[in-house]
Amino acid sequence: MSVNLKNSSEQRREVAIEAKKNRKKPGAVHYLAEVRNRQGLSRRCVAKRLGISVAEVREQEEPSFDLTLSQLYRWQAALGVPIHELLHELEDTLLPDVMGRARMLRVMKTAYTVKSNAQTGKQQQLASHLVEQLVDAMPELRDVSSWPSVGKRRLTEEFGRIVENPISEQWFYSSNSIG
């Protein structure tokens, strides 16, 4: 019997390195092995939970293995994680041209936000120059707006409306509460 002397941060680092390798593999569609390792589960334990052999677990953990939807849901239940954690992000599946355009769009939104929030003439000038350069590189960005802002941030001394009209603890246990 071997004893695992690695601490949890070393294990997490190894799992992250393995995940990066798999993300670069063409055709990789899921993170089953990485999530299983992150959850600290052995293949044997997962095989028991799934009702399949360890060899089948190993096969299904291959990043390019094409799982059925029902298999994916069984893995989700066995690992106890949200299903999106098992799948590659949409970003990984975008074509390079589309991904580049999406990145440019985010940069432009940030540039417009900086421009609209600039507090000095120098900041305003710099942000305007950045916006012009981005439009020169990609003219369709001209009509992009800044990131939405949702109200003014509160200072640490300020309190929200909840202080004016607090919710009683009884409300959480009443039949009116959600859940």
C-alpha atoms as a PDB file:
ATOM      1  CA  MET A   1       0.000   0.000   0.000  1.00  0.00           C
ATOM      2  CA  SER A   2       1.458   3.356  -1.010  1.00  0.00           C
ATOM      3  CA  VAL A   3       1.021   6.490   1.029  1.00  0.00           C
ATOM      4  CA  ASN A   4       0.281   9.752  -0.736  1.00  0.00           C
ATOM      5  CA  LEU A   5       2.668  12.310   0.743  1.00  0.00           C
ATOM      6  CA  LYS A   6       1.664  15.168  -1.524  1.00  0.00           C
ATOM      7  CA  ASN A   7      -0.190  18.021   0.089  1.00  0.00           C
ATOM      8  CA  SER A   8      -3.420  19.309  -1.365  1.00  0.00           C
ATOM      9  CA  SER A   9      -1.816  22.352  -3.043  1.00  0.00           C
ATOM     10  CA  GLU A  10       0.619  20.074  -4.917  1.00  0.00           C
ATOM     11  CA  GLN A  11      -2.289  17.868  -5.987  1.00  0.00           C
ATOM     12  CA  ARG A  12      -4.292  20.903  -7.185  1.00  0.00           C
ATOM     13  CA  ARG A  13      -1.264  22.140  -9.133  1.00  0.00           C
ATOM     14  CA  GLU A  14      -0.869  18.745 -10.829  1.00  0.00           C
ATOM     15  CA  VAL A  15      -4.583  18.658 -11.669  1.00  0.00           C
ATOM     16  CA  ALA A  16      -4.373  22.182 -13.134  1.00  0.00           C
ATOM     17  CA  ILE A  17      -1.337  21.204 -15.252  1.00  0.00           C
ATOM     18  CA  GLU A  18      -3.180  18.111 -16.534  1.00  0.00           C
ATOM     19  CA  ALA A  19      -6.264  20.218 -17.305  1.00  0.00           C
ATOM     20  CA  LYS A  20      -4.149  22.671 -19.320  1.00  0.00           C
ATOM     21  CA  LYS A  21      -2.651  19.797 -21.311  1.00  0.00           C
ATOM     22  CA  ASN A  22      -6.111  18.444 -22.095  1.00  0.00           C
ATOM     23  CA  ARG A  23      -7.447  21.844 -23.080  1.00  0.00           C
ATOM     24  CA  LYS A  24      -4.825  22.023 -25.776  1.00  0.00           C
ATOM     25  CA  LYS A  25      -5.669  18.567 -27.127  1.00  0.00           C
ATOM     26  CA  PRO A  26      -7.745  18.785 -30.278  1.00  0.00           C
ATOM     27  CA  GLY A  27     -11.135  17.193 -29.843  1.00  0.00           C
ATOM     28  CA  ALA A  28     -11.152  17.412 -26.028  1.00  0.00           C
ATOM     29  CA  VAL A  29     -14.742  17.850 -24.903  1.00  0.00           C
ATOM     30  CA  HIS A  30     -14.770  17.311 -21.143  1.00  0.00           C
ATOM     31  CA  TYR A  31     -12.802  17.471 -17.890  1.00  0.00           C
ATOM     32  CA  LEU A  32     -13.936  14.241 -16.225  1.00  0.00           C
ATOM     33  CA  ALA A  33     -10.487  13.131 -15.034  1.00  0.00           C
ATOM     34  CA  GLU A  34      -9.536  16.593 -13.795  1.00  0.00           C
ATOM     35  CA  VAL A  35     -12.765  17.049 -11.864  1.00  0.00           C
ATOM     36  CA  ARG A  36     -12.508  13.522 -10.403  1.00  0.00           C
ATOM     37  CA  ASN A  37      -8.962  14.278  -9.230  1.00  0.00           C
ATOM     38  CA  ARG A  38     -10.003  17.660  -7.841  1.00  0.00           C
ATOM     39  CA  GLN A  39     -12.799  15.951  -5.890  1.00  0.00           C
ATOM     40  CA  GLY A  40     -10.215  13.498  -4.505  1.00  0.00           C
ATOM     41  CA  LEU A  41     -12.007  10.437  -5.865  1.00  0.00           C
ATOM     42  CA  SER A  42     -10.348   7.307  -7.210  1.00  0.00           C
ATOM     43  CA  ARG A  43     -11.370   5.648 -10.452  1.00  0.00           C
ATOM     44  CA  ARG A  44     -12.556   2.656  -8.437  1.00  0.00           C
ATOM     45  CA  CYS A  45     -14.837   4.855  -6.304  1.00  0.00           C
ATOM     46  CA  VAL A  46     -16.310   6.551  -9.386  1.00  0.00           C
ATOM     47  CA  ALA A  47     -16.741   3.173 -11.101  1.00  0.00           C
ATOM     48  CA  LYS A  48     -18.782   1.976  -8.108  1.00  0.00           C
ATOM     49  CA  ARG A  49     -20.929   5.105  -8.183  1.00  0.00           C
ATOM     50  CA  LEU A  50     -21.500   4.781 -11.936  1.00  0.00           C
ATOM     51  CA  GLY A  51     -22.019   1.025 -11.844  1.00  0.00           C
ATOM     52  CA  ILE A  52     -19.341   0.394 -14.478  1.00  0.00           C
ATOM     53  CA  SER A  53     -15.834  -1.089 -14.532  1.00  0.00           C
ATOM     54  CA  VAL A  54     -12.644   0.843 -13.799  1.00  0.00           C
ATOM     55  CA  ALA A  55     -11.582   0.210 -17.422  1.00  0.00           C
ATOM     56  CA  GLU A  56     -14.776   1.910 -18.631  1.00  0.00           C
ATOM     57  CA  VAL A  57     -14.114   4.864 -16.314  1.00  0.00           C
ATOM     58  CA  ARG A  58     -10.582   5.169 -17.723  1.00  0.00           C
ATOM     59  CA  GLU A  59     -11.972   5.017 -21.276  1.00  0.00           C
ATOM     60  CA  GLN A  60     -14.672   7.625 -20.596  1.00  0.00           C
ATOM     61  CA  GLU A  61     -12.132   9.938 -18.933  1.00  0.00           C
ATOM     62  CA  GLU A  62     -10.233  10.277 -22.206  1.00  0.00           C
ATOM     63  CA  PRO A  63     -10.767  13.964 -23.080  1.00  0.00           C
ATOM     64  CA  SER A  64     -11.968  13.123 -26.589  1.00  0.00           C
ATOM     65  CA  PHE A  65     -14.354  10.316 -25.527  1.00  0.00           C
ATOM     66  CA  ASP A  66     -17.819  11.182 -26.858  1.00  0.00           C
ATOM     67  CA  LEU A  67     -20.166  10.723 -23.895  1.00  0.00           C
ATOM     68  CA  THR A  68     -23.895  10.429 -24.326  1.00  0.00           C
ATOM     69  CA  LEU A  69     -25.999  12.966 -22.464  1.00  0.00           C
ATOM     70  CA  SER A  70     -27.199  10.323 -20.002  1.00  0.00           C
ATOM     71  CA  GLN A  71     -23.580   9.293 -19.294  1.00  0.00           C
ATOM     72  CA  LEU A  72     -22.670  12.918 -18.659  1.00  0.00           C
ATOM     73  CA  TYR A  73     -25.531  13.302 -16.164  1.00  0.00           C
ATOM     74  CA  ARG A  74     -24.427  10.112 -14.382  1.00  0.00           C
ATOM     75  CA  TRP A  75     -20.895  11.525 -14.110  1.00  0.00           C
ATOM     76  CA  GLN A  76     -22.310  14.765 -12.748  1.00  0.00           C
ATOM     77  CA  ALA A  77     -24.185  12.870 -10.033  1.00  0.00           C
ATOM     78  CA  ALA A  78     -21.175  10.654  -9.246  1.00  0.00           C
ATOM     79  CA  LEU A  79     -18.811  13.614  -8.881  1.00  0.00           C
ATOM     80  CA  GLY A  80     -21.320  15.937  -7.211  1.00  0.00           C
ATOM     81  CA  VAL A  81     -20.521  18.999  -9.321  1.00  0.00           C
ATOM     82  CA  PRO A  82     -22.522  21.257 -11.646  1.00  0.00           C
ATOM     83  CA  ILE A  83     -22.581  19.861 -15.176  1.00  0.00           C
ATOM     84  CA  HIS A  84     -20.852  22.904 -16.684  1.00  0.00           C
ATOM     85  CA  GLU A  85     -17.705  22.056 -14.692  1.00  0.00           C
ATOM     86  CA  LEU A  86     -17.416  18.830 -16.651  1.00  0.00           C
ATOM     87  CA  LEU A  87     -17.512  20.465 -20.073  1.00  0.00           C
ATOM     88  CA  HIS A  88     -15.034  22.622 -21.940  1.00  0.00           C
ATOM     89  CA  GLU A  89     -15.956  26.282 -22.008  1.00  0.00           C
ATOM     90  CA  LEU A  90     -17.593  27.700 -25.100  1.00  0.00           C
ATOM     91  CA  GLU A  91     -14.499  29.847 -25.510  1.00  0.00           C
ATOM     92  CA  ASP A  92     -12.442  26.709 -26.181  1.00  0.00           C
ATOM     93  CA  THR A  93     -14.647  25.741 -29.116  1.00  0.00           C
ATOM     94  CA  LEU A  94     -14.731  29.073 -30.958  1.00  0.00           C
ATOM     95  CA  LEU A  95     -12.797  29.448 -34.171  1.00  0.00           C
ATOM     96  CA  PRO A  96      -9.647  31.561 -33.758  1.00  0.00           C
ATOM     97  CA  ASP A  97     -11.090  34.417 -35.875  1.00  0.00           C
ATOM     98  CA  VAL A  98     -14.292  34.508 -33.843  1.00  0.00           C
ATOM     99  CA  MET A  99     -12.334  34.309 -30.587  1.00  0.00           C
ATOM    100  CA  GLY A 100     -10.122  37.226 -31.687  1.00  0.00           C
ATOM    101  CA  ARG A 101     -13.174  39.324 -32.539  1.00  0.00           C
ATOM    102  CA  ALA A 102     -14.761  38.528 -29.177  1.00  0.00           C
ATOM    103  CA  ARG A 103     -11.587  39.621 -27.400  1.00  0.00           C
ATOM    104  CA  MET A 104     -11.460  42.846 -29.411  1.00  0.00           C
ATOM    105  CA  LEU A 105     -15.089  43.525 -28.490  1.00  0.00           C
ATOM    106  CA  ARG A 106     -14.294  43.136 -24.776  1.00  0.00           C
ATOM    107  CA  VAL A 107     -11.274  45.437 -25.105  1.00  0.00           C
ATOM    108  CA  MET A 108     -13.425  48.053 -26.887  1.00  0.00           C
ATOM    109  CA  LYS A 109     -16.131  47.883 -24.222  1.00  0.00           C
ATOM    110  CA  THR A 110     -13.440  48.398 -21.590  1.00  0.00           C
ATOM    111  CA  ALA A 111     -11.936  51.314 -23.538  1.00  0.00           C
ATOM    112  CA  TYR A 112     -15.343  53.030 -23.807  1.00  0.00           C
ATOM    113  CA  THR A 113     -15.922  52.447 -20.085  1.00  0.00           C
ATOM    114  CA  VAL A 114     -12.544  53.991 -19.246  1.00  0.00           C
ATOM    115  CA  LYS A 115     -13.319  56.908 -21.542  1.00  0.00           C
ATOM    116  CA  SER A 116     -16.721  57.561 -19.957  1.00  0.00           C
ATOM    117  CA  ASN A 117     -15.281  57.370 -16.434  1.00  0.00           C
ATOM    118  CA  ALA A 118     -12.114  59.391 -17.084  1.00  0.00           C
ATOM    119  CA  GLN A 119     -11.629  62.030 -14.403  1.00  0.00           C
ATOM    120  CA  THR A 120      -8.908  64.117 -16.004  1.00  0.00           C
ATOM    121  CA  GLY A 121      -8.348  65.527 -19.467  1.00  0.00           C
ATOM    122  CA  LYS A 122      -5.253  63.377 -19.868  1.00  0.00           C
ATOM    123  CA  GLN A 123      -7.187  60.181 -19.064  1.00  0.00           C
ATOM    124  CA  GLN A 124      -9.951  61.229 -21.474  1.00  0.00           C
ATOM    125  CA  GLN A 125      -7.405  61.897 -24.222  1.00  0.00           C
ATOM    126  CA  LEU A 126      -5.640  58.580 -23.682  1.00  0.00           C
ATOM    127  CA  ALA A 127      -8.934  56.625 -23.702  1.00  0.00           C
ATOM    128  CA  SER A 128     -10.108  58.455 -26.852  1.00  0.00           C
ATOM    129  CA  HIS A 129      -6.846  57.608 -28.581  1.00  0.00           C
ATOM    130  CA  LEU A 130      -7.251  53.937 -27.604  1.00  0.00           C
ATOM    131  CA  VAL A 131     -10.832  53.887 -28.939  1.00  0.00           C
ATOM    132  CA  GLU A 132      -9.670  55.429 -32.243  1.00  0.00           C
ATOM    133  CA  GLN A 133      -6.929  52.815 -32.604  1.00  0.00           C
ATOM    134  CA  LEU A 134      -9.373  49.989 -31.956  1.00  0.00           C
ATOM    135  CA  VAL A 135     -11.828  51.377 -34.532  1.00  0.00           C
ATOM    136  CA  ASP A 136      -8.975  51.646 -37.049  1.00  0.00           C
ATOM    137  CA  ALA A 137      -8.120  47.988 -36.432  1.00  0.00           C
ATOM    138  CA  MET A 138     -11.742  46.826 -36.522  1.00  0.00           C
ATOM    139  CA  PRO A 139     -14.257  49.396 -37.890  1.00  0.00           C
ATOM    140  CA  GLU A 140     -17.342  47.433 -36.785  1.00  0.00           C
ATOM    141  CA  LEU A 141     -16.417  48.270 -33.178  1.00  0.00           C
ATOM    142  CA  ARG A 142     -17.489  51.896 -33.755  1.00  0.00           C
ATOM    143  CA  ASP A 143     -21.048  51.249 -32.496  1.00  0.00           C
ATOM    144  CA  VAL A 144     -20.082  49.305 -29.380  1.00  0.00           C
ATOM    145  CA  SER A 145     -21.167  50.716 -26.022  1.00  0.00           C
ATOM    146  CA  SER A 146     -19.353  50.626 -22.695  1.00  0.00           C
ATOM    147  CA  TRP A 147     -19.885  47.974 -20.054  1.00  0.00           C
ATOM    148  CA  PRO A 148     -23.126  48.523 -18.147  1.00  0.00           C
ATOM    149  CA  SER A 149     -22.802  50.124 -14.758  1.00  0.00           C
ATOM    150  CA  VAL A 150     -25.289  49.315 -12.071  1.00  0.00           C
ATOM    151  CA  GLY A 151     -25.574  52.273  -9.784  1.00  0.00           C
ATOM    152  CA  LYS A 152     -22.970  53.879  -7.637  1.00  0.00           C
ATOM    153  CA  ARG A 153     -20.791  51.777  -5.366  1.00  0.00           C
ATOM    154  CA  ARG A 154     -21.400  52.324  -1.668  1.00  0.00           C
ATOM    155  CA  LEU A 155     -18.697  53.494   0.645  1.00  0.00           C
ATOM    156  CA  THR A 156     -17.930  51.291   3.634  1.00  0.00           C
ATOM    157  CA  GLU A 157     -19.675  53.823   5.904  1.00  0.00           C
ATOM    158  CA  GLU A 158     -22.922  53.638   3.925  1.00  0.00           C
ATOM    159  CA  PHE A 159     -25.614  51.058   4.443  1.00  0.00           C
ATOM    160  CA  GLY A 160     -28.256  49.728   2.105  1.00  0.00           C
ATOM    161  CA  ARG A 161     -32.020  49.973   2.412  1.00  0.00           C
ATOM    162  CA  ILE A 162     -32.085  46.757   4.418  1.00  0.00           C
ATOM    163  CA  VAL A 163     -31.040  48.793   7.484  1.00  0.00           C
ATOM    164  CA  GLU A 164     -34.176  50.930   7.160  1.00  0.00           C
ATOM    165  CA  ASN A 165     -36.495  47.936   6.906  1.00  0.00           C
ATOM    166  CA  PRO A 166     -34.784  44.798   8.213  1.00  0.00           C
ATOM    167  CA  ILE A 167     -36.150  41.317   7.540  1.00  0.00           C
ATOM    168  CA  SER A 168     -37.091  39.431  10.680  1.00  0.00           C
ATOM    169  CA  GLU A 169     -35.499  36.078  11.301  1.00  0.00           C
ATOM    170  CA  GLN A 170     -38.986  34.542  11.456  1.00  0.00           C
ATOM    171  CA  TRP A 171     -39.525  35.411   7.764  1.00  0.00           C
ATOM    172  CA  PHE A 172     -36.941  32.814   6.753  1.00  0.00           C
ATOM    173  CA  TYR A 173     -38.948  30.064   8.436  1.00  0.00           C
ATOM    174  CA  SER A 174     -42.404  31.156   7.360  1.00  0.00           C
ATOM    175  CA  SER A 175     -44.354  29.695   4.448  1.00  0.00           C
ATOM    176  CA  ASN A 176     -43.928  33.004   2.561  1.00  0.00           C
ATOM    177  CA  SER A 177     -40.240  32.404   1.983  1.00  0.00           C
ATOM    178  CA  ILE A 178     -39.033  30.846  -1.232  1.00  0.00           C
ATOM    179  CA  GLY A 179     -37.721  27.309  -1.166  1.00  0.00           C
END
